[in-house]
């Protein structure tokens, strides 16, 4: 079975959307992933602040990388996000995904998204299906 780093780097190498958003892996452990990305003009909405899809995409990628790091292919089956603070152009976001539960068929994860001042700007919770397919 591949190492968590090999799995996640392979996923990121094939993930054009995460690459487009400038996501970078900051830390990776079994069941844990920390990603970051900048808020650019291309990721703002009509109000001139970050589009909610940016924080969602960052959290979703962190979820994917954390859950797949154990060597079994996982896909999300339920996710939810709460946007807690305005995210500005020029901010730098960090998503930290932590495994709360891992069973044979499902896993539950939380993702905390903070800005460069360590202010919590979004909270995401996701459930994944754990397949029998290995990386």
Protein backbone atom coordinates (compact mmCIF):
# COMPACT_ATOMS: atom_id res chain seq x y z
CA UNK A 1 0.00 0.00 0.00
CA UNK A 2 1.23 3.52 -0.77
CA UNK A 3 2.23 5.99 1.93
CA UNK A 4 -0.11 8.88 2.85
CA UNK A 5 2.24 11.30 1.09
CA UNK A 6 2.28 9.25 -2.12
CA UNK A 7 -1.51 8.93 -2.09
CA UNK A 8 -2.26 12.58 -1.44
CA UNK A 9 0.42 13.95 -3.77
CA UNK A 10 -0.93 11.71 -6.52
CA UNK A 11 -4.44 12.98 -5.85
CA UNK A 12 -3.29 16.61 -5.92
CA UNK A 13 -1.27 16.05 -9.09
CA UNK A 14 -4.50 14.94 -10.81
CA UNK A 15 -6.75 17.58 -9.20
CA UNK A 16 -6.82 20.45 -11.67
CA UNK A 17 -9.36 22.44 -9.62
CA UNK A 18 -7.31 22.41 -6.40
CA UNK A 19 -4.26 23.37 -8.45
CA UNK A 20 -6.20 26.20 -10.13
CA UNK A 21 -7.05 27.61 -6.69
CA UNK A 22 -3.40 27.45 -5.63
CA UNK A 23 -3.86 24.89 -2.85
CA UNK A 24 -0.74 23.70 -1.08
CA UNK A 25 -0.35 20.81 1.36
CA UNK A 26 1.11 22.12 4.62
CA UNK A 27 0.86 19.05 6.83
CA UNK A 28 -0.27 15.47 6.33
CA UNK A 29 -0.72 12.57 8.75
CA UNK A 30 -2.98 9.54 8.80
CA UNK A 31 -6.50 10.96 8.98
CA UNK A 32 -5.30 14.58 9.02
CA UNK A 33 -4.54 17.16 6.37
CA UNK A 34 -3.74 20.85 6.44
CA UNK A 35 -4.08 22.82 3.18
CA UNK A 36 -3.73 26.48 2.35
CA UNK A 37 -4.63 28.81 -0.51
CA UNK A 38 -4.74 32.54 -1.25
CA UNK A 39 -7.83 34.64 -1.88
CA UNK A 40 -7.31 36.21 -5.32
CA UNK A 41 -9.42 38.44 -7.55
CA UNK A 42 -10.46 35.31 -9.46
CA UNK A 43 -12.00 33.83 -6.28
CA UNK A 44 -14.06 36.84 -5.18
CA UNK A 45 -17.78 37.37 -5.69
CA UNK A 46 -19.88 40.40 -6.65
CA UNK A 47 -19.42 41.89 -3.18
CA UNK A 48 -15.63 41.89 -3.58
CA UNK A 49 -15.15 39.23 -0.91
CA UNK A 50 -14.23 35.57 -1.25
CA UNK A 51 -16.85 33.43 -2.93
CA UNK A 52 -18.26 30.80 -0.56
CA UNK A 53 -17.20 28.17 -3.05
CA UNK A 54 -13.56 28.91 -2.26
CA UNK A 55 -13.83 27.94 1.40
CA UNK A 56 -16.01 24.98 0.45
CA UNK A 57 -13.51 23.76 -2.15
CA UNK A 58 -10.61 24.14 0.27
CA UNK A 59 -12.49 22.18 2.95
CA UNK A 60 -13.63 19.53 0.48
CA UNK A 61 -10.07 18.94 -0.73
CA UNK A 62 -8.78 18.74 2.84
CA UNK A 63 -11.51 16.18 3.57
CA UNK A 64 -10.58 14.14 0.49
CA UNK A 65 -6.88 14.13 1.32
CA UNK A 66 -7.32 13.32 5.03
CA UNK A 67 -9.80 10.52 4.44
CA UNK A 68 -7.85 8.91 1.60
CA UNK A 69 -4.55 9.08 3.49
CA UNK A 70 -5.32 5.74 5.17
CA UNK A 71 -4.96 3.92 1.83
CA UNK A 72 -8.60 3.16 1.01
CA UNK A 73 -10.42 5.20 -1.62
CA UNK A 74 -13.06 7.42 -0.02
CA UNK A 75 -15.72 9.74 -1.45
CA UNK A 76 -17.89 12.23 0.39
CA UNK A 77 -21.53 11.33 0.96
CA UNK A 78 -22.59 14.28 3.12
CA UNK A 79 -21.04 17.67 3.77
CA UNK A 80 -22.07 20.93 5.36
CA UNK A 81 -20.37 24.27 5.87
CA UNK A 82 -20.96 27.32 8.02
CA UNK A 83 -19.42 30.60 6.87
CA UNK A 84 -18.57 32.43 10.09
CA UNK A 85 -16.66 35.53 8.98
CA UNK A 86 -16.05 37.58 5.87
CA UNK A 87 -13.01 36.52 3.85
CA UNK A 88 -11.26 39.39 2.09
CA UNK A 89 -9.24 39.68 -1.09
CA UNK A 90 -5.60 39.13 -0.11
CA UNK A 91 -6.39 36.83 2.81
CA UNK A 92 -4.57 33.52 3.03
CA UNK A 93 -6.70 30.59 4.18
CA UNK A 94 -5.67 27.43 5.98
CA UNK A 95 -7.95 24.40 6.30
CA UNK A 96 -7.20 21.79 8.96
CA UNK A 97 -9.11 18.53 8.55
CA UNK A 98 -9.30 16.17 11.52
CA UNK A 99 -10.72 12.67 11.61
CA UNK A 100 -13.45 12.35 14.26
CA UNK A 101 -14.53 8.78 13.50
CA UNK A 102 -13.31 6.09 11.14
CA UNK A 103 -15.28 2.89 10.72
CA UNK A 104 -15.18 0.11 8.15
CA UNK A 105 -17.60 1.88 5.78
CA UNK A 106 -17.80 5.52 6.88
CA UNK A 107 -15.63 8.25 8.31
CA UNK A 108 -16.56 11.59 9.87
CA UNK A 109 -14.29 14.62 9.64
CA UNK A 110 -14.29 18.26 10.67
CA UNK A 111 -12.48 21.06 8.89
CA UNK A 112 -11.65 24.37 10.50
CA UNK A 113 -10.76 27.15 8.05
CA UNK A 114 -8.80 30.08 9.41
CA UNK A 115 -7.35 33.23 7.87
CA UNK A 116 -3.76 34.40 8.26
CA UNK A 117 -4.65 35.95 11.64
CA UNK A 118 -5.86 32.53 12.89
CA UNK A 119 -9.46 33.74 12.91
CA UNK A 120 -12.00 30.97 12.28
CA UNK A 121 -13.83 31.95 9.09
CA UNK A 122 -15.62 28.69 8.24
CA UNK A 123 -16.47 25.34 9.81
CA UNK A 124 -17.11 22.25 7.68
CA UNK A 125 -18.18 18.74 8.60
CA UNK A 126 -18.11 15.82 6.20
CA UNK A 127 -18.93 12.14 6.07
CA UNK A 128 -17.18 9.85 3.63
CA UNK A 129 -17.87 6.39 2.29
CA UNK A 130 -14.84 4.13 2.74
CA UNK A 131 -14.54 1.71 -0.17
CA UNK A 132 -12.62 -1.54 -0.26
CA UNK A 133 -10.53 -0.20 -3.17
CA UNK A 134 -6.96 0.61 -2.14
CA UNK A 135 -4.61 3.14 -3.63
